[in-house]
N, C-alpha and C. Protein backbone atom coordinates (compact mmCIF):
# COMPACT_ATOMS: atom_id res chain seq x y z
N MET A 1 96.21 83.70 106.82
CA MET A 1 97.24 83.85 105.81
C MET A 1 98.49 84.50 106.40
N ARG A 2 98.31 85.51 107.26
CA ARG A 2 99.46 86.20 107.84
C ARG A 2 100.32 85.24 108.64
N ARG A 3 99.68 84.36 109.39
CA ARG A 3 100.45 83.39 110.17
C ARG A 3 101.27 82.50 109.26
N GLY A 4 100.71 82.16 108.12
CA GLY A 4 101.43 81.32 107.18
C GLY A 4 102.68 82.00 106.67
N VAL A 5 102.58 83.27 106.34
CA VAL A 5 103.74 84.03 105.86
C VAL A 5 104.76 84.19 106.97
N ALA A 6 104.29 84.54 108.16
CA ALA A 6 105.20 84.70 109.29
C ALA A 6 105.92 83.40 109.59
N GLY A 7 105.17 82.33 109.58
CA GLY A 7 105.77 81.03 109.84
C GLY A 7 106.79 80.66 108.78
N ALA A 8 106.46 80.95 107.53
CA ALA A 8 107.39 80.63 106.44
C ALA A 8 108.68 81.43 106.57
N LEU A 9 108.56 82.69 106.94
CA LEU A 9 109.76 83.53 107.10
C LEU A 9 110.64 83.00 108.21
N ALA A 10 110.04 82.73 109.35
CA ALA A 10 110.83 82.23 110.48
C ALA A 10 111.39 80.85 110.17
N LEU A 11 110.58 80.01 109.57
CA LEU A 11 111.04 78.67 109.23
C LEU A 11 112.18 78.71 108.23
N ALA A 12 112.12 79.65 107.30
CA ALA A 12 113.20 79.78 106.32
C ALA A 12 114.51 80.10 107.02
N LEU A 13 114.47 80.94 108.02
CA LEU A 13 115.68 81.28 108.76
C LEU A 13 116.19 80.09 109.57
N ILE A 14 115.27 79.36 110.14
CA ILE A 14 115.65 78.25 111.01
C ILE A 14 116.21 77.08 110.22
N LEU A 15 115.61 76.79 109.08
CA LEU A 15 115.97 75.60 108.33
C LEU A 15 116.98 75.84 107.21
N SER A 16 117.20 77.07 106.83
CA SER A 16 118.10 77.35 105.72
C SER A 16 119.53 76.96 106.07
N THR A 17 120.26 76.58 105.05
CA THR A 17 121.68 76.26 105.22
C THR A 17 122.47 77.50 104.83
N PRO A 18 123.73 77.60 105.24
CA PRO A 18 124.53 78.76 104.85
C PRO A 18 124.59 78.98 103.34
N ARG A 19 124.51 77.93 102.54
CA ARG A 19 124.53 78.11 101.09
C ARG A 19 123.33 78.91 100.61
N ALA A 20 122.22 78.79 101.30
CA ALA A 20 121.02 79.52 100.89
C ALA A 20 121.21 81.02 101.02
N TRP A 21 122.17 81.44 101.85
CA TRP A 21 122.38 82.87 102.06
C TRP A 21 123.35 83.46 101.05
N GLU A 22 123.96 82.64 100.23
CA GLU A 22 124.86 83.16 99.21
C GLU A 22 124.04 83.83 98.12
N ALA A 23 124.70 84.61 97.29
CA ALA A 23 124.01 85.30 96.20
C ALA A 23 123.24 84.30 95.36
N ASP A 24 122.06 84.70 94.96
CA ASP A 24 121.20 83.84 94.16
C ASP A 24 121.59 84.00 92.69
N ASN A 25 122.34 83.04 92.17
CA ASN A 25 122.86 83.11 90.81
C ASN A 25 122.04 82.27 89.84
N ARG A 26 120.77 82.18 90.04
CA ARG A 26 119.92 81.38 89.18
C ARG A 26 119.62 82.11 87.88
N SER A 27 119.18 81.34 86.90
CA SER A 27 118.79 81.96 85.64
C SER A 27 117.47 82.69 85.84
N LEU A 28 117.10 83.51 84.89
CA LEU A 28 115.86 84.29 84.99
C LEU A 28 114.63 83.39 84.96
N ASP A 29 114.77 82.16 84.46
CA ASP A 29 113.64 81.23 84.39
C ASP A 29 113.32 80.59 85.73
N GLU A 30 114.30 80.52 86.61
CA GLU A 30 114.10 79.87 87.90
C GLU A 30 113.59 80.87 88.93
N PRO A 31 112.69 80.43 89.80
CA PRO A 31 112.21 81.34 90.85
C PRO A 31 113.32 81.60 91.86
N PRO A 32 113.28 82.74 92.55
CA PRO A 32 114.31 83.02 93.56
C PRO A 32 114.21 82.03 94.72
N SER A 33 115.33 81.81 95.38
CA SER A 33 115.34 80.89 96.53
C SER A 33 114.52 81.49 97.67
N LEU A 34 114.16 80.63 98.60
CA LEU A 34 113.39 81.08 99.76
C LEU A 34 114.17 82.13 100.54
N ALA A 35 115.48 81.92 100.70
CA ALA A 35 116.31 82.89 101.42
C ALA A 35 116.30 84.24 100.71
N THR A 36 116.33 84.23 99.38
CA THR A 36 116.28 85.48 98.61
C THR A 36 114.95 86.19 98.83
N GLN A 37 113.88 85.42 98.86
CA GLN A 37 112.56 86.00 99.10
C GLN A 37 112.45 86.59 100.50
N VAL A 38 112.98 85.87 101.49
CA VAL A 38 112.96 86.36 102.88
C VAL A 38 113.77 87.66 102.97
N HIS A 39 114.93 87.68 102.36
CA HIS A 39 115.78 88.88 102.36
C HIS A 39 115.02 90.06 101.77
N ALA A 40 114.30 89.86 100.68
CA ALA A 40 113.55 90.94 100.04
C ALA A 40 112.43 91.45 100.95
N ILE A 41 111.77 90.54 101.64
CA ILE A 41 110.70 90.96 102.57
C ILE A 41 111.29 91.73 103.73
N PHE A 42 112.39 91.24 104.29
CA PHE A 42 113.03 91.96 105.39
C PHE A 42 113.51 93.34 104.94
N GLN A 43 114.01 93.41 103.72
CA GLN A 43 114.45 94.71 103.17
C GLN A 43 113.28 95.68 103.10
N ALA A 44 112.13 95.18 102.69
CA ALA A 44 110.96 96.04 102.53
C ALA A 44 110.28 96.37 103.85
N ARG A 45 110.31 95.46 104.81
CA ARG A 45 109.51 95.63 106.02
C ARG A 45 110.27 95.88 107.32
N CYS A 46 111.55 95.56 107.36
CA CYS A 46 112.25 95.56 108.65
C CYS A 46 113.36 96.59 108.80
N VAL A 47 113.97 97.01 107.69
CA VAL A 47 115.13 97.89 107.82
C VAL A 47 114.78 99.28 108.34
N GLU A 48 113.51 99.65 108.29
CA GLU A 48 113.09 100.94 108.84
C GLU A 48 113.52 101.08 110.30
N CYS A 49 113.42 99.99 111.03
CA CYS A 49 113.78 100.01 112.46
C CYS A 49 115.05 99.22 112.78
N HIS A 50 115.41 98.26 111.92
CA HIS A 50 116.52 97.36 112.22
C HIS A 50 117.61 97.38 111.16
N GLY A 51 117.71 98.45 110.41
CA GLY A 51 118.73 98.55 109.37
C GLY A 51 120.11 98.77 109.94
N SER A 52 121.11 98.24 109.25
CA SER A 52 122.49 98.38 109.72
C SER A 52 123.00 99.81 109.61
N ASP A 53 122.33 100.63 108.83
CA ASP A 53 122.77 102.02 108.66
C ASP A 53 122.21 102.95 109.72
N LEU A 54 121.36 102.44 110.59
CA LEU A 54 120.76 103.27 111.64
C LEU A 54 121.72 103.47 112.79
N PRO A 55 121.78 104.68 113.37
CA PRO A 55 122.68 104.89 114.50
C PRO A 55 122.28 104.07 115.73
N ARG A 56 120.99 103.86 115.93
CA ARG A 56 120.49 103.08 117.06
C ARG A 56 119.35 102.17 116.61
N PRO A 57 119.67 101.04 116.01
CA PRO A 57 118.62 100.12 115.58
C PRO A 57 117.82 99.62 116.78
N LYS A 58 116.53 99.48 116.61
CA LYS A 58 115.68 99.01 117.71
C LYS A 58 116.08 97.62 118.14
N GLY A 59 116.05 97.41 119.44
CA GLY A 59 116.37 96.12 120.02
C GLY A 59 117.80 95.68 119.82
N LYS A 60 118.69 96.62 119.52
CA LYS A 60 120.09 96.30 119.22
C LYS A 60 120.17 95.21 118.15
N PHE A 61 119.25 95.31 117.20
CA PHE A 61 119.11 94.31 116.15
C PHE A 61 119.24 94.99 114.79
N GLY A 62 120.43 95.49 114.51
CA GLY A 62 120.68 96.20 113.27
C GLY A 62 121.25 95.33 112.18
N TYR A 63 121.04 94.04 112.28
CA TYR A 63 121.62 93.13 111.29
C TYR A 63 120.54 92.24 110.66
N VAL A 64 119.34 92.77 110.53
CA VAL A 64 118.21 91.98 110.04
C VAL A 64 118.45 91.40 108.65
N LEU A 65 119.27 92.05 107.84
CA LEU A 65 119.51 91.54 106.49
C LEU A 65 120.64 90.52 106.43
N ASP A 66 121.32 90.30 107.53
CA ASP A 66 122.36 89.29 107.59
C ASP A 66 121.70 87.99 108.08
N LEU A 67 121.10 87.26 107.14
CA LEU A 67 120.29 86.10 107.50
C LEU A 67 121.09 85.04 108.25
N ALA A 68 122.35 84.87 107.92
CA ALA A 68 123.17 83.89 108.63
C ALA A 68 123.32 84.29 110.10
N ARG A 69 123.53 85.56 110.34
CA ARG A 69 123.69 86.03 111.73
C ARG A 69 122.37 85.93 112.49
N VAL A 70 121.27 86.25 111.83
CA VAL A 70 119.96 86.13 112.48
C VAL A 70 119.71 84.68 112.86
N ALA A 71 119.93 83.77 111.94
CA ALA A 71 119.68 82.35 112.19
C ALA A 71 120.61 81.79 113.26
N ALA A 72 121.79 82.36 113.41
CA ALA A 72 122.76 81.88 114.39
C ALA A 72 122.53 82.46 115.78
N ASN A 73 121.59 83.38 115.93
CA ASN A 73 121.33 84.01 117.22
C ASN A 73 120.42 83.11 118.06
N PRO A 74 120.95 82.43 119.07
CA PRO A 74 120.14 81.50 119.85
C PRO A 74 119.08 82.20 120.70
N LYS A 75 119.20 83.49 120.89
CA LYS A 75 118.16 84.22 121.63
C LYS A 75 116.92 84.44 120.76
N MET A 76 117.09 84.34 119.44
CA MET A 76 115.97 84.60 118.54
C MET A 76 115.48 83.36 117.81
N ILE A 77 116.39 82.47 117.46
CA ILE A 77 116.05 81.32 116.63
C ILE A 77 116.40 80.02 117.36
N VAL A 78 115.42 79.15 117.49
CA VAL A 78 115.64 77.81 118.04
C VAL A 78 115.60 76.85 116.86
N PRO A 79 116.76 76.32 116.46
CA PRO A 79 116.80 75.44 115.29
C PRO A 79 115.81 74.28 115.40
N ASP A 80 115.11 74.04 114.32
CA ASP A 80 114.15 72.94 114.20
C ASP A 80 112.94 73.07 115.12
N LYS A 81 112.79 74.20 115.78
CA LYS A 81 111.64 74.41 116.68
C LYS A 81 111.12 75.82 116.49
N SER A 82 110.54 76.07 115.32
CA SER A 82 110.13 77.44 115.00
C SER A 82 109.16 78.01 116.02
N ALA A 83 108.24 77.21 116.53
CA ALA A 83 107.24 77.72 117.48
C ALA A 83 107.88 78.21 118.77
N GLN A 84 109.08 77.73 119.09
CA GLN A 84 109.78 78.16 120.30
C GLN A 84 110.71 79.34 120.05
N SER A 85 110.81 79.76 118.81
CA SER A 85 111.72 80.84 118.46
C SER A 85 111.06 82.20 118.73
N GLU A 86 111.80 83.07 119.40
CA GLU A 86 111.29 84.40 119.69
C GLU A 86 110.94 85.14 118.41
N PHE A 87 111.77 84.99 117.40
CA PHE A 87 111.53 85.66 116.12
C PHE A 87 110.17 85.26 115.56
N TYR A 88 109.88 83.98 115.53
CA TYR A 88 108.62 83.47 115.03
C TYR A 88 107.46 84.00 115.86
N GLN A 89 107.59 83.95 117.17
CA GLN A 89 106.52 84.40 118.05
C GLN A 89 106.19 85.88 117.85
N MET A 90 107.21 86.70 117.64
CA MET A 90 106.98 88.13 117.43
C MET A 90 106.22 88.38 116.13
N LEU A 91 106.51 87.59 115.10
CA LEU A 91 105.79 87.73 113.83
C LEU A 91 104.35 87.23 113.96
N VAL A 92 104.18 86.07 114.55
CA VAL A 92 102.86 85.46 114.66
C VAL A 92 101.92 86.31 115.52
N HIS A 93 102.46 86.93 116.56
CA HIS A 93 101.63 87.73 117.47
C HIS A 93 101.57 89.20 117.06
N ASN A 94 101.93 89.46 115.81
CA ASN A 94 101.83 90.80 115.22
C ASN A 94 102.60 91.87 116.00
N GLU A 95 103.68 91.49 116.65
CA GLU A 95 104.53 92.45 117.33
C GLU A 95 105.52 93.08 116.36
N MET A 96 105.80 92.37 115.29
CA MET A 96 106.70 92.86 114.25
C MET A 96 106.04 92.60 112.91
N PRO A 97 106.17 93.49 111.98
CA PRO A 97 106.72 94.83 112.13
C PRO A 97 105.87 95.66 113.09
N ASP A 98 106.50 96.67 113.65
CA ASP A 98 105.86 97.53 114.63
C ASP A 98 104.58 98.12 114.05
N PRO A 99 103.44 97.86 114.70
CA PRO A 99 102.18 98.41 114.20
C PRO A 99 102.17 99.94 114.13
N LYS A 100 103.02 100.58 114.90
CA LYS A 100 103.10 102.05 114.90
C LYS A 100 104.09 102.57 113.85
N GLY A 101 104.79 101.66 113.19
CA GLY A 101 105.80 102.06 112.20
C GLY A 101 105.18 102.60 110.92
N ILE A 102 106.03 103.15 110.09
CA ILE A 102 105.59 103.71 108.82
C ILE A 102 105.25 102.61 107.83
N VAL A 103 106.03 101.54 107.84
CA VAL A 103 105.83 100.44 106.90
C VAL A 103 104.74 99.51 107.45
N PRO A 104 103.71 99.23 106.67
CA PRO A 104 102.65 98.34 107.17
C PRO A 104 103.13 96.90 107.24
N PRO A 105 102.50 96.11 108.13
CA PRO A 105 102.85 94.69 108.22
C PRO A 105 102.57 93.97 106.92
């Protein structure tokens, strides 16, 4: 199950279009977009170490909530090839979130 969630998160970043990163203005009856869900998970699990408000974010990656910037980083995301993306590999191999961190994976 964890691999499925990790894969979905990475795939959402790789396949999402810039419109998906805009504010989710849906009615209360509609489910949130995949990008909105990914943003919420990153907010809950990743900002402890990679938040923009940190003086020294780990890995010089203090923009985890800027999904457009994350997806545009060729060192982390390989478009249309999630298995080759460093971001995906770190999630799948349980390297992120940090097992020693306060927030559980």
